[in-house]
Amino acid sequence: MLPLILSPQGRVPLIDHNTLLTLADQLDNPSAVKAFILDFIHVWDERFTRLADTVSRRDHAAAMEAVLSVRTSSMMVGAARLASLASTLEESVRLNDLSGAADILPSVEACGIQTIRELALCSEAVLG
């Protein structure tokens, strides 16, 4: 079992179920919500790899684009803890502290793994 990830703001829930329910209400289509969740799950490895690669190459502009992709997509799918960690990493990138950003990557990766596991369960249990 992976350790619980804590954000600098304190304990943030892994998944904000209210975000998923709001999305379901807005779309009024459980299949579309499930597809959105599954898309997030399927592109996670690619999204994280791109983020880690751009940070390790010290490519500031590409790292900012990659972290914004992680943060915004996480927020949209209700991945609150991952979005919080991505915000912290974004701040490091914004300050051009790519070493600090690199230090956060293991937590982002672990949280991402936990998140996609939980979202897979949510897509089946909550949305059918």
N, C-alpha and C. Protein backbone atom coordinates (compact mmCIF):
# COMPACT_ATOMS: atom_id res chain seq x y z
N MET A 1 0.84 -1.19 0.00
CA MET A 1 0.00 0.00 0.00
C MET A 1 0.88 1.24 0.00
N LEU A 2 0.52 2.22 -0.82
CA LEU A 2 1.27 3.46 -0.91
C LEU A 2 0.95 4.34 0.29
N PRO A 3 1.92 5.16 0.71
CA PRO A 3 1.66 6.05 1.85
C PRO A 3 0.66 7.14 1.45
N LEU A 4 -0.04 7.66 2.44
CA LEU A 4 -0.91 8.80 2.19
C LEU A 4 -0.04 10.01 1.90
N ILE A 5 -0.45 10.80 0.96
CA ILE A 5 0.29 11.99 0.57
C ILE A 5 -0.35 13.19 1.24
N LEU A 6 0.45 13.99 1.89
CA LEU A 6 -0.06 15.20 2.53
C LEU A 6 0.39 16.41 1.73
N SER A 7 -0.50 17.35 1.55
CA SER A 7 -0.14 18.57 0.86
C SER A 7 0.33 19.58 1.88
N PRO A 8 1.01 20.64 1.43
CA PRO A 8 1.43 21.68 2.36
C PRO A 8 0.24 22.33 3.07
N GLN A 9 -0.94 22.29 2.46
CA GLN A 9 -2.12 22.91 3.06
C GLN A 9 -2.78 22.00 4.09
N GLY A 10 -2.22 20.85 4.36
CA GLY A 10 -2.83 19.88 5.26
C GLY A 10 -3.38 18.73 4.47
N ARG A 11 -4.13 17.90 5.11
CA ARG A 11 -4.66 16.72 4.43
C ARG A 11 -5.78 17.12 3.46
N VAL A 12 -5.55 16.85 2.20
CA VAL A 12 -6.51 17.12 1.14
C VAL A 12 -7.05 15.77 0.70
N PRO A 13 -8.37 15.65 0.50
CA PRO A 13 -8.91 14.35 0.09
C PRO A 13 -8.32 13.91 -1.24
N LEU A 14 -8.12 12.62 -1.39
CA LEU A 14 -7.59 12.09 -2.64
C LEU A 14 -8.53 12.45 -3.78
N ILE A 15 -9.82 12.16 -3.60
CA ILE A 15 -10.83 12.46 -4.61
C ILE A 15 -11.93 13.31 -3.98
N ASP A 16 -12.29 14.38 -4.66
CA ASP A 16 -13.41 15.20 -4.24
C ASP A 16 -14.64 14.67 -4.98
N HIS A 17 -15.40 13.83 -4.30
CA HIS A 17 -16.55 13.19 -4.93
C HIS A 17 -17.60 14.20 -5.37
N ASN A 18 -17.67 15.34 -4.71
CA ASN A 18 -18.62 16.38 -5.12
C ASN A 18 -18.31 16.90 -6.52
N THR A 19 -17.04 16.97 -6.86
CA THR A 19 -16.67 17.40 -8.21
C THR A 19 -17.19 16.41 -9.24
N LEU A 20 -17.04 15.12 -8.94
CA LEU A 20 -17.56 14.10 -9.87
C LEU A 20 -19.07 14.17 -9.98
N LEU A 21 -19.74 14.37 -8.86
CA LEU A 21 -21.20 14.46 -8.90
C LEU A 21 -21.67 15.70 -9.65
N THR A 22 -20.96 16.81 -9.47
CA THR A 22 -21.29 18.03 -10.20
C THR A 22 -21.09 17.82 -11.70
N LEU A 23 -19.98 17.18 -12.06
CA LEU A 23 -19.73 16.88 -13.47
C LEU A 23 -20.83 16.00 -14.04
N ALA A 24 -21.23 15.00 -13.28
CA ALA A 24 -22.31 14.11 -13.72
C ALA A 24 -23.61 14.89 -13.91
N ASP A 25 -23.91 15.81 -12.99
CA ASP A 25 -25.12 16.62 -13.11
C ASP A 25 -25.05 17.53 -14.35
N GLN A 26 -23.88 18.13 -14.57
CA GLN A 26 -23.73 19.06 -15.69
C GLN A 26 -23.84 18.34 -17.03
N LEU A 27 -23.24 17.18 -17.11
CA LEU A 27 -23.26 16.45 -18.38
C LEU A 27 -24.54 15.65 -18.57
N ASP A 28 -25.18 15.31 -17.46
CA ASP A 28 -26.41 14.51 -17.49
C ASP A 28 -26.24 13.27 -18.36
N ASN A 29 -25.03 12.70 -18.28
CA ASN A 29 -24.71 11.53 -19.09
C ASN A 29 -23.64 10.72 -18.37
N PRO A 30 -24.03 9.70 -17.59
CA PRO A 30 -23.05 8.91 -16.85
C PRO A 30 -21.97 8.29 -17.73
N SER A 31 -22.32 7.94 -18.95
CA SER A 31 -21.32 7.35 -19.86
C SER A 31 -20.23 8.35 -20.20
N ALA A 32 -20.61 9.61 -20.39
CA ALA A 32 -19.63 10.65 -20.71
C ALA A 32 -18.70 10.91 -19.52
N VAL A 33 -19.26 10.90 -18.33
CA VAL A 33 -18.45 11.11 -17.13
C VAL A 33 -17.47 9.95 -16.96
N LYS A 34 -17.97 8.74 -17.14
CA LYS A 34 -17.11 7.56 -17.03
C LYS A 34 -16.00 7.61 -18.07
N ALA A 35 -16.32 8.01 -19.29
CA ALA A 35 -15.31 8.12 -20.35
C ALA A 35 -14.27 9.17 -19.99
N PHE A 36 -14.71 10.29 -19.40
CA PHE A 36 -13.79 11.35 -19.00
C PHE A 36 -12.82 10.84 -17.94
N ILE A 37 -13.35 10.11 -16.96
CA ILE A 37 -12.51 9.53 -15.91
C ILE A 37 -11.53 8.54 -16.50
N LEU A 38 -12.02 7.68 -17.36
CA LEU A 38 -11.14 6.66 -17.96
C LEU A 38 -10.07 7.29 -18.84
N ASP A 39 -10.40 8.38 -19.53
CA ASP A 39 -9.39 9.10 -20.31
C ASP A 39 -8.29 9.64 -19.39
N PHE A 40 -8.70 10.22 -18.26
CA PHE A 40 -7.72 10.72 -17.30
C PHE A 40 -6.79 9.60 -16.85
N ILE A 41 -7.38 8.45 -16.53
CA ILE A 41 -6.59 7.29 -16.09
C ILE A 41 -5.62 6.85 -17.17
N HIS A 42 -6.12 6.75 -18.40
CA HIS A 42 -5.29 6.21 -19.49
C HIS A 42 -4.14 7.13 -19.89
N VAL A 43 -4.28 8.43 -19.70
CA VAL A 43 -3.18 9.33 -20.08
C VAL A 43 -2.28 9.72 -18.90
N TRP A 44 -2.58 9.21 -17.71
CA TRP A 44 -1.78 9.61 -16.55
C TRP A 44 -0.29 9.32 -16.74
N ASP A 45 0.07 8.11 -17.15
CA ASP A 45 1.49 7.77 -17.28
C ASP A 45 2.19 8.70 -18.26
N GLU A 46 1.55 8.96 -19.38
CA GLU A 46 2.12 9.86 -20.38
C GLU A 46 2.26 11.28 -19.83
N ARG A 47 1.23 11.73 -19.13
CA ARG A 47 1.23 13.08 -18.57
C ARG A 47 2.34 13.22 -17.52
N PHE A 48 2.46 12.21 -16.64
CA PHE A 48 3.50 12.30 -15.61
C PHE A 48 4.89 12.20 -16.23
N THR A 49 5.07 11.29 -17.19
CA THR A 49 6.38 11.13 -17.83
C THR A 49 6.81 12.44 -18.49
N ARG A 50 5.88 13.09 -19.14
CA ARG A 50 6.20 14.38 -19.78
C ARG A 50 6.60 15.42 -18.73
N LEU A 51 5.89 15.45 -17.62
CA LEU A 51 6.22 16.39 -16.55
C LEU A 51 7.61 16.10 -16.00
N ALA A 52 7.87 14.85 -15.66
CA ALA A 52 9.18 14.49 -15.10
C ALA A 52 10.30 14.77 -16.09
N ASP A 53 10.06 14.48 -17.36
CA ASP A 53 11.08 14.70 -18.38
C ASP A 53 11.40 16.18 -18.54
N THR A 54 10.38 17.02 -18.59
CA THR A 54 10.62 18.45 -18.79
C THR A 54 11.31 19.07 -17.58
N VAL A 55 10.97 18.60 -16.40
CA VAL A 55 11.64 19.10 -15.19
C VAL A 55 13.11 18.65 -15.19
N SER A 56 13.35 17.38 -15.51
CA SER A 56 14.74 16.88 -15.49
C SER A 56 15.60 17.54 -16.56
N ARG A 57 14.99 17.92 -17.69
CA ARG A 57 15.72 18.63 -18.75
C ARG A 57 15.86 20.12 -18.44
N ARG A 58 15.21 20.54 -17.37
CA ARG A 58 15.23 21.94 -16.95
C ARG A 58 14.67 22.86 -18.02
N ASP A 59 13.63 22.36 -18.71
CA ASP A 59 12.94 23.12 -19.74
C ASP A 59 11.77 23.83 -19.08
N HIS A 60 12.01 25.06 -18.67
CA HIS A 60 11.06 25.82 -17.88
C HIS A 60 9.70 25.93 -18.56
N ALA A 61 9.67 26.34 -19.81
CA ALA A 61 8.40 26.55 -20.51
C ALA A 61 7.63 25.24 -20.66
N ALA A 62 8.31 24.17 -21.04
CA ALA A 62 7.64 22.88 -21.21
C ALA A 62 7.19 22.31 -19.87
N ALA A 63 7.99 22.55 -18.82
CA ALA A 63 7.60 22.08 -17.48
C ALA A 63 6.35 22.81 -17.00
N MET A 64 6.27 24.09 -17.29
CA MET A 64 5.08 24.86 -16.89
C MET A 64 3.85 24.33 -17.63
N GLU A 65 3.99 24.09 -18.92
CA GLU A 65 2.88 23.55 -19.70
C GLU A 65 2.45 22.18 -19.17
N ALA A 66 3.41 21.34 -18.84
CA ALA A 66 3.12 19.99 -18.35
C ALA A 66 2.45 20.02 -16.98
N VAL A 67 2.93 20.86 -16.08
CA VAL A 67 2.35 20.91 -14.74
C VAL A 67 0.95 21.53 -14.79
N LEU A 68 0.74 22.49 -15.66
CA LEU A 68 -0.60 23.06 -15.81
C LEU A 68 -1.57 22.01 -16.34
N SER A 69 -1.10 21.16 -17.22
CA SER A 69 -1.94 20.07 -17.74
C SER A 69 -2.34 19.12 -16.61
N VAL A 70 -1.38 18.77 -15.77
CA VAL A 70 -1.66 17.89 -14.63
C VAL A 70 -2.64 18.56 -13.67
N ARG A 71 -2.37 19.81 -13.34
CA ARG A 71 -3.22 20.51 -12.36
C ARG A 71 -4.65 20.68 -12.86
N THR A 72 -4.80 21.19 -14.08
CA THR A 72 -6.15 21.47 -14.55
C THR A 72 -6.95 20.19 -14.79
N SER A 73 -6.33 19.19 -15.36
CA SER A 73 -7.07 17.94 -15.58
C SER A 73 -7.43 17.28 -14.26
N SER A 74 -6.54 17.39 -13.28
CA SER A 74 -6.82 16.83 -11.95
C SER A 74 -8.00 17.54 -11.31
N MET A 75 -8.02 18.85 -11.42
CA MET A 75 -9.13 19.62 -10.85
C MET A 75 -10.45 19.22 -11.52
N MET A 76 -10.43 19.06 -12.82
CA MET A 76 -11.65 18.75 -13.56
C MET A 76 -12.23 17.38 -13.19
N VAL A 77 -11.33 16.42 -12.86
CA VAL A 77 -11.79 15.07 -12.56
C VAL A 77 -11.98 14.84 -11.06
N GLY A 78 -11.73 15.86 -10.26
CA GLY A 78 -11.94 15.75 -8.81
C GLY A 78 -10.76 15.16 -8.06
N ALA A 79 -9.61 15.12 -8.68
CA ALA A 79 -8.40 14.59 -8.04
C ALA A 79 -7.77 15.71 -7.20
N ALA A 80 -8.39 15.98 -6.05
CA ALA A 80 -8.05 17.15 -5.24
C ALA A 80 -6.61 17.13 -4.73
N ARG A 81 -6.18 16.00 -4.22
CA ARG A 81 -4.82 15.92 -3.65
C ARG A 81 -3.77 16.08 -4.76
N LEU A 82 -4.01 15.45 -5.89
CA LEU A 82 -3.07 15.56 -7.01
C LEU A 82 -3.04 17.00 -7.52
N ALA A 83 -4.18 17.64 -7.60
CA ALA A 83 -4.23 19.04 -8.02
C ALA A 83 -3.47 19.93 -7.04
N SER A 84 -3.59 19.64 -5.75
CA SER A 84 -2.88 20.42 -4.74
C SER A 84 -1.36 20.26 -4.87
N LEU A 85 -0.93 19.02 -5.06
CA LEU A 85 0.50 18.78 -5.25
C LEU A 85 0.99 19.44 -6.53
N ALA A 86 0.20 19.37 -7.59
CA ALA A 86 0.58 20.00 -8.85
C ALA A 86 0.68 21.52 -8.67
N SER A 87 -0.18 22.11 -7.86
CA SER A 87 -0.09 23.54 -7.58
C SER A 87 1.21 23.89 -6.88
N THR A 88 1.61 23.04 -5.95
CA THR A 88 2.88 23.25 -5.25
C THR A 88 4.05 23.14 -6.23
N LEU A 89 4.00 22.14 -7.09
CA LEU A 89 5.04 21.97 -8.09
C LEU A 89 5.03 23.14 -9.07
N GLU A 90 3.85 23.58 -9.44
CA GLU A 90 3.72 24.74 -10.34
C GLU A 90 4.41 25.97 -9.76
N GLU A 91 4.23 26.18 -8.48
CA GLU A 91 4.87 27.33 -7.83
C GLU A 91 6.39 27.23 -7.93
N SER A 92 6.93 26.04 -7.75
CA SER A 92 8.39 25.86 -7.90
C SER A 92 8.83 26.18 -9.32
N VAL A 93 8.07 25.69 -10.28
CA VAL A 93 8.41 25.97 -11.69
C VAL A 93 8.30 27.46 -11.96
N ARG A 94 7.23 28.08 -11.46
CA ARG A 94 7.03 29.51 -11.67
C ARG A 94 8.21 30.33 -11.12
N LEU A 95 8.77 29.86 -10.00
CA LEU A 95 9.92 30.54 -9.39
C LEU A 95 11.24 30.11 -10.01
N ASN A 96 11.15 29.31 -11.07
CA ASN A 96 12.32 28.77 -11.77
C ASN A 96 13.18 27.90 -10.84
N ASP A 97 12.54 27.27 -9.87
CA ASP A 97 13.20 26.34 -8.95
C ASP A 97 12.93 24.92 -9.42
N LEU A 98 13.60 24.52 -10.49
CA LEU A 98 13.34 23.20 -11.06
C LEU A 98 13.95 22.10 -10.19
N SER A 99 14.93 22.42 -9.37
CA SER A 99 15.42 21.42 -8.40
C SER A 99 14.35 21.14 -7.35
N GLY A 100 13.71 22.20 -6.88
CA GLY A 100 12.60 22.04 -5.94
C GLY A 100 11.45 21.28 -6.57
N ALA A 101 11.17 21.58 -7.85
CA ALA A 101 10.12 20.86 -8.57
C ALA A 101 10.46 19.37 -8.66
N ALA A 102 11.72 19.08 -8.94
CA ALA A 102 12.16 17.68 -9.04
C ALA A 102 11.97 16.96 -7.71
N ASP A 103 12.16 17.66 -6.60
CA ASP A 103 11.98 17.05 -5.28
C ASP A 103 10.52 16.67 -5.02
N ILE A 104 9.58 17.35 -5.66
CA ILE A 104 8.16 17.10 -5.46
C ILE A 104 7.66 15.96 -6.35
N LEU A 105 8.37 15.68 -7.44
CA LEU A 105 7.91 14.68 -8.41
C LEU A 105 7.58 13.31 -7.81
N PRO A 106 8.39 12.76 -6.88
CA PRO A 106 8.03 11.45 -6.33
C PRO A 106 6.66 11.46 -5.62
N SER A 107 6.35 12.55 -4.93
CA SER A 107 5.04 12.65 -4.28
C SER A 107 3.93 12.75 -5.30
N VAL A 108 4.17 13.49 -6.38
CA VAL A 108 3.17 13.61 -7.45
C VAL A 108 2.94 12.24 -8.09
N GLU A 109 4.02 11.53 -8.33
CA GLU A 109 3.88 10.21 -8.95
C GLU A 109 3.09 9.25 -8.05
N ALA A 110 3.46 9.19 -6.77
CA ALA A 110 2.75 8.30 -5.84
C ALA A 110 1.29 8.68 -5.71
N CYS A 111 1.02 9.96 -5.63
CA CYS A 111 -0.36 10.42 -5.53
C CYS A 111 -1.12 10.11 -6.82
N GLY A 112 -0.47 10.26 -7.95
CA GLY A 112 -1.10 9.94 -9.22
C GLY A 112 -1.51 8.48 -9.30
N ILE A 113 -0.66 7.60 -8.82
CA ILE A 113 -0.97 6.17 -8.81
C ILE A 113 -2.17 5.89 -7.91
N GLN A 114 -2.15 6.46 -6.71
CA GLN A 114 -3.28 6.30 -5.80
C GLN A 114 -4.56 6.86 -6.42
N THR A 115 -4.43 7.98 -7.08
CA THR A 115 -5.59 8.66 -7.67
C THR A 115 -6.22 7.82 -8.77
N ILE A 116 -5.41 7.29 -9.67
CA ILE A 116 -6.01 6.52 -10.77
C ILE A 116 -6.63 5.23 -10.26
N ARG A 117 -6.06 4.66 -9.20
CA ARG A 117 -6.70 3.48 -8.60
C ARG A 117 -8.08 3.82 -8.03
N GLU A 118 -8.14 4.93 -7.31
CA GLU A 118 -9.41 5.35 -6.71
C GLU A 118 -10.42 5.77 -7.77
N LEU A 119 -9.95 6.46 -8.80
CA LEU A 119 -10.85 6.89 -9.86
C LEU A 119 -11.42 5.69 -10.62
N ALA A 120 -10.62 4.66 -10.77
CA ALA A 120 -11.12 3.45 -11.43
C ALA A 120 -12.26 2.86 -10.64
N LEU A 121 -12.12 2.84 -9.32
CA LEU A 121 -13.20 2.35 -8.46
C LEU A 121 -14.42 3.26 -8.53
N CYS A 122 -14.17 4.56 -8.53
CA CYS A 122 -15.28 5.53 -8.60
C CYS A 122 -16.05 5.37 -9.91
N SER A 123 -15.34 5.16 -10.99
CA SER A 123 -16.01 5.07 -12.28
C SER A 123 -16.95 3.88 -12.33
N GLU A 124 -16.61 2.84 -11.59
CA GLU A 124 -17.48 1.65 -11.54
C GLU A 124 -18.55 1.78 -10.47
N ALA A 125 -18.16 2.16 -9.26
CA ALA A 125 -19.08 2.17 -8.13
C ALA A 125 -20.08 3.32 -8.16
N VAL A 126 -19.58 4.52 -8.39
CA VAL A 126 -20.44 5.70 -8.29
C VAL A 126 -21.24 5.91 -9.57
N LEU A 127 -20.61 5.66 -10.70
CA LEU A 127 -21.24 6.01 -11.97
C LEU A 127 -21.75 4.82 -12.75
N GLY A 128 -21.56 3.62 -12.22
CA GLY A 128 -22.12 2.43 -12.87
C GLY A 128 -21.41 1.96 -14.08
